[in-house]
Amino acid sequence: MDGYISPIIKSWIENNKFIFIYGPAGVGKSHLGRSFSIFATNLGKKSCVIATEEGTVTLLRSYPLGPNSETLLVTDENSLISLFLKCLLNRKYIIIDTINSLFNGDEESLNIIGLISALSRFSSVGVLALGQVREIEGKIYPAAWQAIIPWAEVIGRVGKKGRKGLITIEKPRKGLLMFEIKDGEVIWI
């Protein structure tokens, strides 16, 4: 259930880590973002979900976050950085779903994602950034990875193993986290 906090995730949230979890569409990234928001509020933090896609907002209307959380929709990079800074200054745990969906491949948007990533690394509130992937020469990469990966303290690739979700932790040390989504809630296995 969403109220159960995995000890490793609890540690990441309590220690204000910049977490980057990426994967293809449909593997549960938005549900994970919702779960992390609930974890953060259960730990006494306020949280802010910055959604870059309408589908995330629709999901969060169906499965609310709770009284100390808010969901904000952005449709361009300037709004993303503005709301990110607002949440940071208001000391809210920040979830960005998805950090790289507004990325259009030019140097300016890469610099914006890099700035958000750098600020996330040194924030005193903690940040979870969820990312989309693309395939390059047969390998899967998060879009704009070169601006995110150097700053992230925790990196996980989410995928499916049968009906279960699987997060492969790539940094700081290798590991696996398995979960299921039932009735909109993340259940850690």
N, C-alpha and C. Protein backbone atom coordinates (compact mmCIF):
# COMPACT_ATOMS: atom_id res chain seq x y z
N MET A 1 0.83 -1.18 0.00
CA MET A 1 0.00 0.00 0.00
C MET A 1 0.87 1.24 0.00
N ASP A 2 0.31 2.36 -0.41
CA ASP A 2 1.09 3.58 -0.52
C ASP A 2 1.60 4.07 0.83
N GLY A 3 0.97 3.70 1.92
CA GLY A 3 1.41 4.14 3.23
C GLY A 3 2.69 3.45 3.68
N TYR A 4 2.98 2.27 3.16
CA TYR A 4 4.21 1.56 3.50
C TYR A 4 5.38 2.22 2.78
N ILE A 5 6.42 2.57 3.54
CA ILE A 5 7.58 3.22 2.96
C ILE A 5 8.72 2.20 2.93
N SER A 6 9.13 1.84 1.73
CA SER A 6 10.29 0.98 1.56
C SER A 6 11.47 1.63 2.28
N PRO A 7 12.23 0.88 3.08
CA PRO A 7 13.34 1.49 3.83
C PRO A 7 14.34 2.24 2.95
N ILE A 8 14.65 1.71 1.78
CA ILE A 8 15.61 2.39 0.92
C ILE A 8 15.04 3.70 0.38
N ILE A 9 13.76 3.70 0.00
CA ILE A 9 13.13 4.92 -0.50
C ILE A 9 12.98 5.93 0.64
N LYS A 10 12.62 5.44 1.82
CA LYS A 10 12.53 6.32 2.99
C LYS A 10 13.86 7.04 3.21
N SER A 11 14.95 6.31 3.11
CA SER A 11 16.27 6.90 3.29
C SER A 11 16.56 7.96 2.23
N TRP A 12 16.21 7.68 0.97
CA TRP A 12 16.43 8.66 -0.08
C TRP A 12 15.65 9.94 0.17
N ILE A 13 14.38 9.80 0.58
CA ILE A 13 13.53 10.98 0.82
C ILE A 13 14.02 11.75 2.05
N GLU A 14 14.31 11.03 3.12
CA GLU A 14 14.78 11.69 4.35
C GLU A 14 16.10 12.44 4.12
N ASN A 15 16.94 11.90 3.26
CA ASN A 15 18.25 12.51 3.00
C ASN A 15 18.24 13.46 1.80
N ASN A 16 17.05 13.80 1.33
CA ASN A 16 16.87 14.81 0.27
C ASN A 16 17.68 14.51 -0.99
N LYS A 17 17.68 13.29 -1.41
CA LYS A 17 18.43 12.88 -2.60
C LYS A 17 17.73 13.35 -3.88
N PHE A 18 18.54 13.58 -4.89
CA PHE A 18 18.02 13.83 -6.24
C PHE A 18 17.94 12.46 -6.92
N ILE A 19 16.72 11.99 -7.10
CA ILE A 19 16.44 10.66 -7.64
C ILE A 19 15.95 10.83 -9.07
N PHE A 20 16.51 10.05 -9.96
CA PHE A 20 16.07 10.06 -11.36
C PHE A 20 15.67 8.64 -11.73
N ILE A 21 14.39 8.45 -12.03
CA ILE A 21 13.87 7.15 -12.45
C ILE A 21 13.33 7.31 -13.86
N TYR A 22 13.80 6.44 -14.76
CA TYR A 22 13.39 6.56 -16.15
C TYR A 22 12.92 5.21 -16.69
N GLY A 23 12.13 5.26 -17.75
CA GLY A 23 11.65 4.05 -18.39
C GLY A 23 10.65 4.38 -19.49
N PRO A 24 10.25 3.35 -20.23
CA PRO A 24 9.30 3.56 -21.32
C PRO A 24 7.89 3.85 -20.79
N ALA A 25 7.03 4.25 -21.68
CA ALA A 25 5.63 4.52 -21.33
C ALA A 25 4.97 3.26 -20.80
N GLY A 26 4.08 3.43 -19.84
CA GLY A 26 3.24 2.33 -19.38
C GLY A 26 3.84 1.41 -18.34
N VAL A 27 4.99 1.78 -17.74
CA VAL A 27 5.60 0.90 -16.75
C VAL A 27 5.32 1.33 -15.31
N GLY A 28 4.62 2.47 -15.14
CA GLY A 28 4.22 2.88 -13.79
C GLY A 28 4.97 4.08 -13.22
N LYS A 29 5.65 4.84 -14.06
CA LYS A 29 6.42 5.99 -13.55
C LYS A 29 5.52 7.00 -12.82
N SER A 30 4.39 7.33 -13.38
CA SER A 30 3.49 8.31 -12.73
C SER A 30 2.94 7.76 -11.42
N HIS A 31 2.64 6.48 -11.37
CA HIS A 31 2.20 5.87 -10.11
C HIS A 31 3.32 5.92 -9.07
N LEU A 32 4.56 5.70 -9.51
CA LEU A 32 5.69 5.81 -8.58
C LEU A 32 5.81 7.24 -8.06
N GLY A 33 5.65 8.22 -8.95
CA GLY A 33 5.69 9.61 -8.52
C GLY A 33 4.65 9.91 -7.46
N ARG A 34 3.44 9.42 -7.69
CA ARG A 34 2.36 9.60 -6.71
C ARG A 34 2.74 8.96 -5.38
N SER A 35 3.28 7.74 -5.45
CA SER A 35 3.68 7.02 -4.25
C SER A 35 4.77 7.77 -3.48
N PHE A 36 5.77 8.29 -4.19
CA PHE A 36 6.83 9.06 -3.53
C PHE A 36 6.26 10.31 -2.87
N SER A 37 5.29 10.96 -3.50
CA SER A 37 4.66 12.13 -2.92
C SER A 37 3.98 11.76 -1.60
N ILE A 38 3.28 10.65 -1.60
CA ILE A 38 2.62 10.18 -0.37
C ILE A 38 3.65 9.82 0.68
N PHE A 39 4.73 9.14 0.27
CA PHE A 39 5.81 8.82 1.21
C PHE A 39 6.34 10.10 1.87
N ALA A 40 6.61 11.11 1.05
CA ALA A 40 7.17 12.36 1.57
C ALA A 40 6.23 13.01 2.58
N THR A 41 4.94 13.04 2.27
CA THR A 41 3.99 13.65 3.21
C THR A 41 3.86 12.80 4.48
N ASN A 42 3.96 11.48 4.34
CA ASN A 42 3.94 10.62 5.53
C ASN A 42 5.16 10.87 6.43
N LEU A 43 6.23 11.38 5.84
CA LEU A 43 7.44 11.72 6.59
C LEU A 43 7.42 13.17 7.09
N GLY A 44 6.27 13.85 6.92
CA GLY A 44 6.12 15.21 7.43
C GLY A 44 6.50 16.32 6.47
N LYS A 45 6.75 15.98 5.21
CA LYS A 45 7.10 17.01 4.23
C LYS A 45 5.86 17.41 3.44
N LYS A 46 5.90 18.60 2.88
CA LYS A 46 4.90 18.99 1.88
C LYS A 46 5.47 18.58 0.54
N SER A 47 4.59 18.26 -0.41
CA SER A 47 5.10 17.85 -1.72
C SER A 47 4.40 18.59 -2.84
N CYS A 48 5.10 18.63 -3.95
CA CYS A 48 4.63 19.33 -5.14
C CYS A 48 4.92 18.43 -6.34
N VAL A 49 3.87 18.04 -7.07
CA VAL A 49 4.05 17.27 -8.29
C VAL A 49 3.91 18.22 -9.46
N ILE A 50 4.98 18.35 -10.23
CA ILE A 50 4.96 19.17 -11.43
C ILE A 50 4.79 18.23 -12.61
N ALA A 51 3.61 18.28 -13.22
CA ALA A 51 3.29 17.39 -14.34
C ALA A 51 3.51 18.12 -15.65
N THR A 52 4.14 17.44 -16.60
CA THR A 52 4.36 18.04 -17.91
C THR A 52 3.43 17.43 -18.96
N GLU A 53 2.54 16.55 -18.51
CA GLU A 53 1.59 15.91 -19.42
C GLU A 53 0.22 15.86 -18.76
N GLU A 54 -0.81 16.10 -19.53
CA GLU A 54 -2.17 16.10 -19.01
C GLU A 54 -2.54 14.74 -18.40
N GLY A 55 -2.01 13.66 -18.96
CA GLY A 55 -2.31 12.32 -18.44
C GLY A 55 -1.93 12.14 -16.99
N THR A 56 -0.85 12.77 -16.57
CA THR A 56 -0.44 12.70 -15.16
C THR A 56 -1.46 13.39 -14.28
N VAL A 57 -1.94 14.53 -14.70
CA VAL A 57 -2.95 15.27 -13.93
C VAL A 57 -4.23 14.44 -13.83
N THR A 58 -4.63 13.82 -14.92
CA THR A 58 -5.83 12.96 -14.91
C THR A 58 -5.65 11.82 -13.92
N LEU A 59 -4.49 11.17 -13.94
CA LEU A 59 -4.20 10.08 -13.00
C LEU A 59 -4.32 10.57 -11.56
N LEU A 60 -3.74 11.72 -11.28
CA LEU A 60 -3.72 12.22 -9.90
C LEU A 60 -5.09 12.73 -9.45
N ARG A 61 -5.96 13.06 -10.39
CA ARG A 61 -7.35 13.38 -10.01
C ARG A 61 -8.09 12.11 -9.62
N SER A 62 -7.74 11.00 -10.27
CA SER A 62 -8.38 9.72 -9.96
C SER A 62 -7.88 9.14 -8.64
N TYR A 63 -6.61 9.38 -8.34
CA TYR A 63 -5.98 8.86 -7.12
C TYR A 63 -5.31 10.03 -6.41
N PRO A 64 -6.05 10.76 -5.57
CA PRO A 64 -5.52 11.97 -4.95
C PRO A 64 -4.24 11.74 -4.13
N LEU A 65 -3.49 12.82 -3.95
CA LEU A 65 -2.22 12.77 -3.23
C LEU A 65 -2.37 12.94 -1.73
N GLY A 66 -3.26 13.79 -1.29
CA GLY A 66 -3.39 14.06 0.13
C GLY A 66 -3.32 15.56 0.41
N PRO A 67 -3.55 15.94 1.67
CA PRO A 67 -3.72 17.35 2.02
C PRO A 67 -2.45 18.20 1.92
N ASN A 68 -1.27 17.63 2.04
CA ASN A 68 -0.04 18.43 1.99
C ASN A 68 0.66 18.35 0.65
N SER A 69 -0.10 18.04 -0.39
CA SER A 69 0.47 17.90 -1.73
C SER A 69 -0.33 18.71 -2.73
N GLU A 70 0.34 19.14 -3.76
CA GLU A 70 -0.35 19.82 -4.85
C GLU A 70 0.20 19.32 -6.17
N THR A 71 -0.64 19.40 -7.20
CA THR A 71 -0.26 19.02 -8.55
C THR A 71 -0.37 20.24 -9.44
N LEU A 72 0.69 20.51 -10.20
CA LEU A 72 0.72 21.67 -11.08
C LEU A 72 1.08 21.19 -12.49
N LEU A 73 0.35 21.66 -13.49
CA LEU A 73 0.62 21.29 -14.88
C LEU A 73 1.41 22.40 -15.55
N VAL A 74 2.48 22.02 -16.24
CA VAL A 74 3.25 22.97 -17.04
C VAL A 74 3.27 22.49 -18.48
N THR A 75 3.34 23.44 -19.40
CA THR A 75 3.31 23.08 -20.82
C THR A 75 4.52 23.61 -21.58
N ASP A 76 5.42 24.30 -20.86
CA ASP A 76 6.63 24.79 -21.53
C ASP A 76 7.76 24.84 -20.51
N GLU A 77 8.97 24.97 -21.02
CA GLU A 77 10.16 24.93 -20.16
C GLU A 77 10.22 26.09 -19.18
N ASN A 78 9.79 27.28 -19.59
CA ASN A 78 9.82 28.44 -18.69
C ASN A 78 8.90 28.22 -17.50
N SER A 79 7.72 27.66 -17.73
CA SER A 79 6.80 27.36 -16.63
C SER A 79 7.38 26.28 -15.73
N LEU A 80 8.06 25.30 -16.33
CA LEU A 80 8.68 24.23 -15.55
C LEU A 80 9.69 24.81 -14.58
N ILE A 81 10.60 25.63 -15.06
CA ILE A 81 11.62 26.17 -14.17
C ILE A 81 11.02 27.12 -13.14
N SER A 82 10.01 27.90 -13.52
CA SER A 82 9.36 28.83 -12.60
C SER A 82 8.68 28.07 -11.45
N LEU A 83 7.91 27.03 -11.78
CA LEU A 83 7.23 26.26 -10.73
C LEU A 83 8.21 25.45 -9.90
N PHE A 84 9.25 24.94 -10.54
CA PHE A 84 10.29 24.21 -9.80
C PHE A 84 10.88 25.13 -8.73
N LEU A 85 11.26 26.35 -9.12
CA LEU A 85 11.85 27.28 -8.16
C LEU A 85 10.86 27.66 -7.06
N LYS A 86 9.59 27.85 -7.42
CA LYS A 86 8.56 28.17 -6.42
C LYS A 86 8.45 27.04 -5.39
N CYS A 87 8.38 25.81 -5.85
CA CYS A 87 8.29 24.67 -4.92
C CYS A 87 9.56 24.54 -4.08
N LEU A 88 10.70 24.77 -4.70
CA LEU A 88 11.98 24.71 -3.98
C LEU A 88 12.03 25.75 -2.88
N LEU A 89 11.66 26.97 -3.20
CA LEU A 89 11.68 28.05 -2.21
C LEU A 89 10.65 27.84 -1.10
N ASN A 90 9.56 27.15 -1.42
CA ASN A 90 8.54 26.84 -0.40
C ASN A 90 8.83 25.54 0.33
N ARG A 91 10.03 24.99 0.11
CA ARG A 91 10.54 23.81 0.81
C ARG A 91 9.62 22.60 0.68
N LYS A 92 9.19 22.34 -0.53
CA LYS A 92 8.34 21.19 -0.80
C LYS A 92 9.15 20.10 -1.49
N TYR A 93 8.90 18.85 -1.12
CA TYR A 93 9.50 17.73 -1.84
C TYR A 93 8.94 17.78 -3.26
N ILE A 94 9.81 17.71 -4.26
CA ILE A 94 9.40 17.95 -5.64
C ILE A 94 9.44 16.66 -6.46
N ILE A 95 8.35 16.42 -7.17
CA ILE A 95 8.29 15.32 -8.15
C ILE A 95 8.04 15.97 -9.50
N ILE A 96 8.90 15.70 -10.47
CA ILE A 96 8.71 16.21 -11.83
C ILE A 96 8.38 15.01 -12.71
N ASP A 97 7.19 15.02 -13.27
CA ASP A 97 6.71 13.91 -14.11
C ASP A 97 6.27 14.48 -15.46
N THR A 98 7.04 14.43 -16.47
CA THR A 98 8.38 13.93 -16.64
C THR A 98 9.32 15.08 -16.99
N ILE A 99 10.55 14.99 -16.47
CA ILE A 99 11.49 16.09 -16.61
C ILE A 99 11.88 16.35 -18.05
N ASN A 100 11.89 15.33 -18.89
CA ASN A 100 12.42 15.53 -20.24
C ASN A 100 11.35 15.49 -21.34
N SER A 101 10.07 15.53 -20.98
CA SER A 101 9.05 15.47 -22.03
C SER A 101 8.95 16.79 -22.81
N LEU A 102 9.37 17.88 -22.21
CA LEU A 102 9.33 19.17 -22.90
C LEU A 102 10.62 19.42 -23.68
N PHE A 103 11.58 18.54 -23.55
CA PHE A 103 12.88 18.69 -24.19
C PHE A 103 12.74 18.59 -25.71
N ASN A 104 13.22 19.61 -26.40
CA ASN A 104 13.07 19.59 -27.85
C ASN A 104 14.40 19.39 -28.58
N GLY A 105 15.45 19.08 -27.82
CA GLY A 105 16.72 18.74 -28.45
C GLY A 105 17.68 19.89 -28.68
N ASP A 106 17.24 21.12 -28.42
CA ASP A 106 18.17 22.23 -28.64
C ASP A 106 19.00 22.51 -27.39
N GLU A 107 20.02 23.32 -27.57
CA GLU A 107 20.96 23.59 -26.48
C GLU A 107 20.29 24.32 -25.32
N GLU A 108 19.36 25.23 -25.60
CA GLU A 108 18.69 25.97 -24.53
C GLU A 108 17.89 25.04 -23.62
N SER A 109 17.11 24.12 -24.21
CA SER A 109 16.32 23.23 -23.35
C SER A 109 17.23 22.25 -22.60
N LEU A 110 18.33 21.85 -23.20
CA LEU A 110 19.30 21.00 -22.51
C LEU A 110 19.89 21.75 -21.31
N ASN A 111 20.17 23.04 -21.49
CA ASN A 111 20.69 23.86 -20.39
C ASN A 111 19.66 24.02 -19.28
N ILE A 112 18.39 24.16 -19.63
CA ILE A 112 17.33 24.28 -18.61
C ILE A 112 17.23 22.99 -17.80
N ILE A 113 17.24 21.86 -18.48
CA ILE A 113 17.18 20.57 -17.76
C ILE A 113 18.43 20.40 -16.90
N GLY A 114 19.58 20.81 -17.40
CA GLY A 114 20.81 20.75 -16.62
C GLY A 114 20.75 21.63 -15.38
N LEU A 115 20.19 22.84 -15.51
CA LEU A 115 20.05 23.73 -14.37
C LEU A 115 19.11 23.13 -13.32
N ILE A 116 17.96 22.62 -13.75
CA ILE A 116 17.03 21.99 -12.81
C ILE A 116 17.70 20.80 -12.13
N SER A 117 18.46 20.03 -12.88
CA SER A 117 19.15 18.86 -12.31
C SER A 117 20.20 19.29 -11.29
N ALA A 118 20.97 20.32 -11.61
CA ALA A 118 21.99 20.80 -10.67
C ALA A 118 21.34 21.32 -9.39
N LEU A 119 20.28 22.11 -9.53
CA LEU A 119 19.58 22.61 -8.34
C LEU A 119 18.97 21.47 -7.54
N SER A 120 18.50 20.44 -8.23
CA SER A 120 17.93 19.28 -7.54
C SER A 120 18.98 18.57 -6.70
N ARG A 121 20.18 18.46 -7.24
CA ARG A 121 21.27 17.79 -6.53
C ARG A 121 21.58 18.47 -5.21
N PHE A 122 21.53 19.79 -5.20
CA PHE A 122 21.95 20.53 -4.02
C PHE A 122 20.77 21.09 -3.22
N SER A 123 19.56 20.61 -3.52
CA SER A 123 18.39 21.11 -2.80
C SER A 123 18.36 20.54 -1.38
N SER A 124 17.66 21.24 -0.52
CA SER A 124 17.52 20.76 0.86
C SER A 124 16.14 20.16 1.09
N VAL A 125 15.42 19.85 0.00
CA VAL A 125 14.08 19.30 0.14
C VAL A 125 13.93 17.92 -0.50
N GLY A 126 14.75 17.60 -1.48
CA GLY A 126 14.66 16.33 -2.21
C GLY A 126 13.82 16.47 -3.47
N VAL A 127 14.26 15.75 -4.50
CA VAL A 127 13.58 15.81 -5.80
C VAL A 127 13.57 14.43 -6.42
N LEU A 128 12.41 14.05 -6.94
CA LEU A 128 12.27 12.87 -7.79
C LEU A 128 11.93 13.35 -9.18
N ALA A 129 12.79 13.03 -10.14
CA ALA A 129 12.51 13.36 -11.54
C ALA A 129 12.25 12.05 -12.28
N LEU A 130 11.13 12.01 -12.96
CA LEU A 130 10.79 10.84 -13.77
C LEU A 130 11.08 11.18 -15.22
N GLY A 131 11.60 10.22 -15.97
CA GLY A 131 12.01 10.51 -17.33
C GLY A 131 11.57 9.49 -18.35
N GLN A 132 11.35 9.99 -19.55
CA GLN A 132 11.03 9.14 -20.69
C GLN A 132 12.33 8.64 -21.32
N VAL A 133 12.21 7.62 -22.15
CA VAL A 133 13.40 7.07 -22.80
C VAL A 133 13.28 7.12 -24.31
N ARG A 134 14.42 6.97 -24.95
CA ARG A 134 14.46 6.80 -26.39
C ARG A 134 15.55 5.78 -26.71
N GLU A 135 15.45 5.20 -27.88
CA GLU A 135 16.42 4.18 -28.27
C GLU A 135 17.41 4.78 -29.27
N ILE A 136 18.70 4.56 -28.99
CA ILE A 136 19.77 5.02 -29.87
C ILE A 136 20.69 3.83 -30.13
N GLU A 137 20.78 3.43 -31.39
CA GLU A 137 21.64 2.30 -31.79
C GLU A 137 21.40 1.06 -30.94
N GLY A 138 20.11 0.78 -30.71
CA GLY A 138 19.74 -0.43 -29.98
C GLY A 138 19.83 -0.33 -28.47
N LYS A 139 20.25 0.81 -27.93
CA LYS A 139 20.34 0.99 -26.48
C LYS A 139 19.29 2.01 -26.03
N ILE A 140 18.78 1.81 -24.84
CA ILE A 140 17.76 2.69 -24.27
C ILE A 140 18.44 3.79 -23.45
N TYR A 141 18.07 5.04 -23.72
CA TYR A 141 18.59 6.19 -22.98
C TYR A 141 17.44 7.11 -22.62
N PRO A 142 17.53 7.74 -21.44
CA PRO A 142 16.56 8.80 -21.18
C PRO A 142 16.90 9.99 -22.06
N ALA A 143 15.88 10.63 -22.62
CA ALA A 143 16.11 11.83 -23.42
C ALA A 143 16.77 12.88 -22.52
N ALA A 144 17.72 13.60 -23.05
CA ALA A 144 18.47 14.64 -22.33
C ALA A 144 19.29 14.05 -21.18
N TRP A 145 19.62 12.79 -21.27
CA TRP A 145 20.35 12.11 -20.19
C TRP A 145 21.64 12.82 -19.83
N GLN A 146 22.32 13.42 -20.81
CA GLN A 146 23.61 14.04 -20.54
C GLN A 146 23.48 15.24 -19.60
N ALA A 147 22.29 15.81 -19.47
CA ALA A 147 22.08 16.94 -18.56
C ALA A 147 21.55 16.51 -17.20
N ILE A 148 21.11 15.26 -17.08
CA ILE A 148 20.49 14.78 -15.84
C ILE A 148 21.42 13.85 -15.06
N ILE A 149 21.94 12.85 -15.74
CA ILE A 149 22.71 11.77 -15.10
C ILE A 149 23.87 12.28 -14.23
N PRO A 150 24.67 13.26 -14.68
CA PRO A 150 25.80 13.68 -13.84
C PRO A 150 25.38 14.23 -12.48
N TRP A 151 24.17 14.77 -12.38
CA TRP A 151 23.72 15.39 -11.14
C TRP A 151 22.94 14.44 -10.23
N ALA A 152 22.34 13.42 -10.80
CA ALA A 152 21.47 12.52 -10.01
C ALA A 152 22.29 11.71 -9.01
N GLU A 153 21.79 11.63 -7.79
CA GLU A 153 22.44 10.84 -6.75
C GLU A 153 21.94 9.40 -6.76
N VAL A 154 20.71 9.22 -7.21
CA VAL A 154 20.11 7.89 -7.33
C VAL A 154 19.55 7.80 -8.75
N ILE A 155 19.88 6.73 -9.45
CA ILE A 155 19.36 6.51 -10.80
C ILE A 155 18.75 5.12 -10.86
N GLY A 156 17.52 5.05 -11.34
CA GLY A 156 16.84 3.77 -11.49
C GLY A 156 16.13 3.68 -12.83
N ARG A 157 16.21 2.51 -13.42
CA ARG A 157 15.50 2.25 -14.68
C ARG A 157 14.32 1.36 -14.35
N VAL A 158 13.12 1.81 -14.70
CA VAL A 158 11.91 1.04 -14.39
C VAL A 158 11.45 0.30 -15.63
N GLY A 159 11.01 -0.91 -15.41
CA GLY A 159 10.49 -1.73 -16.49
C GLY A 159 9.49 -2.72 -15.91
N LYS A 160 9.14 -3.69 -16.70
CA LYS A 160 8.16 -4.71 -16.28
C LYS A 160 8.83 -6.07 -16.27
N LYS A 161 8.42 -6.87 -15.31
CA LYS A 161 8.78 -8.29 -15.27
C LYS A 161 7.47 -9.02 -15.06
N GLY A 162 6.90 -9.48 -16.17
CA GLY A 162 5.55 -10.04 -16.11
C GLY A 162 4.57 -8.93 -15.79
N ARG A 163 3.78 -9.11 -14.74
CA ARG A 163 2.80 -8.09 -14.34
C ARG A 163 3.34 -7.16 -13.28
N LYS A 164 4.57 -7.39 -12.86
CA LYS A 164 5.17 -6.59 -11.80
C LYS A 164 6.09 -5.53 -12.38
N GLY A 165 6.22 -4.43 -11.65
CA GLY A 165 7.18 -3.39 -12.01
C GLY A 165 8.51 -3.68 -11.35
N LEU A 166 9.57 -3.33 -12.02
CA LEU A 166 10.91 -3.59 -11.50
C LEU A 166 11.76 -2.34 -11.71
N ILE A 167 12.33 -1.83 -10.62
CA ILE A 167 13.27 -0.72 -10.72
C ILE A 167 14.67 -1.28 -10.53
N THR A 168 15.48 -1.14 -11.56
CA THR A 168 16.87 -1.54 -11.48
C THR A 168 17.67 -0.31 -11.05
N ILE A 169 18.24 -0.36 -9.86
CA ILE A 169 19.01 0.76 -9.35
C ILE A 169 20.40 0.71 -10.00
N GLU A 170 20.75 1.78 -10.69
CA GLU A 170 22.04 1.86 -11.38
C GLU A 170 23.06 2.67 -10.59
N LYS A 171 22.59 3.53 -9.71
CA LYS A 171 23.46 4.38 -8.91
C LYS A 171 22.71 4.69 -7.63
N PRO A 172 23.27 4.69 -6.47
CA PRO A 172 24.68 4.64 -6.15
C PRO A 172 25.28 3.24 -6.16
N ARG A 173 24.48 2.24 -5.87
CA ARG A 173 24.96 0.85 -5.96
C ARG A 173 23.85 0.03 -6.58
N LYS A 174 24.23 -1.04 -7.21
CA LYS A 174 23.26 -1.88 -7.92
C LYS A 174 22.24 -2.47 -6.95
N GLY A 175 21.02 -2.62 -7.43
CA GLY A 175 19.97 -3.20 -6.62
C GLY A 175 18.68 -3.27 -7.41
N LEU A 176 17.69 -3.93 -6.84
CA LEU A 176 16.38 -4.07 -7.47
C LEU A 176 15.29 -3.74 -6.47
N LEU A 177 14.25 -3.09 -6.95
CA LEU A 177 13.03 -2.87 -6.17
C LEU A 177 11.87 -3.35 -7.03
N MET A 178 10.99 -4.15 -6.46
CA MET A 178 9.87 -4.68 -7.22
C MET A 178 8.57 -4.16 -6.62
N PHE A 179 7.60 -3.91 -7.50
CA PHE A 179 6.33 -3.37 -7.04
C PHE A 179 5.21 -3.86 -7.95
N GLU A 180 3.99 -3.72 -7.44
CA GLU A 180 2.78 -3.95 -8.22
C GLU A 180 1.91 -2.70 -8.08
N ILE A 181 1.07 -2.49 -9.05
CA ILE A 181 0.10 -1.41 -8.96
C ILE A 181 -1.28 -2.06 -8.90
N LYS A 182 -1.96 -1.85 -7.78
CA LYS A 182 -3.31 -2.39 -7.59
C LYS A 182 -4.23 -1.25 -7.20
N ASP A 183 -5.30 -1.09 -7.97
CA ASP A 183 -6.27 -0.02 -7.72
C ASP A 183 -5.60 1.34 -7.57
N GLY A 184 -4.58 1.59 -8.40
CA GLY A 184 -3.91 2.87 -8.41
C GLY A 184 -2.83 3.05 -7.35
N GLU A 185 -2.65 2.07 -6.49
CA GLU A 185 -1.66 2.18 -5.43
C GLU A 185 -0.45 1.31 -5.74
N VAL A 186 0.72 1.80 -5.35
CA VAL A 186 1.95 1.04 -5.50
C VAL A 186 2.11 0.16 -4.26
N ILE A 187 2.30 -1.12 -4.51
CA ILE A 187 2.54 -2.08 -3.44
C ILE A 187 3.95 -2.63 -3.63
N TRP A 188 4.81 -2.41 -2.65
CA TRP A 188 6.20 -2.85 -2.73
C TRP A 188 6.30 -4.32 -2.34
N ILE A 189 7.06 -5.06 -3.12
CA ILE A 189 7.18 -6.50 -2.90
C ILE A 189 8.57 -6.80 -2.33
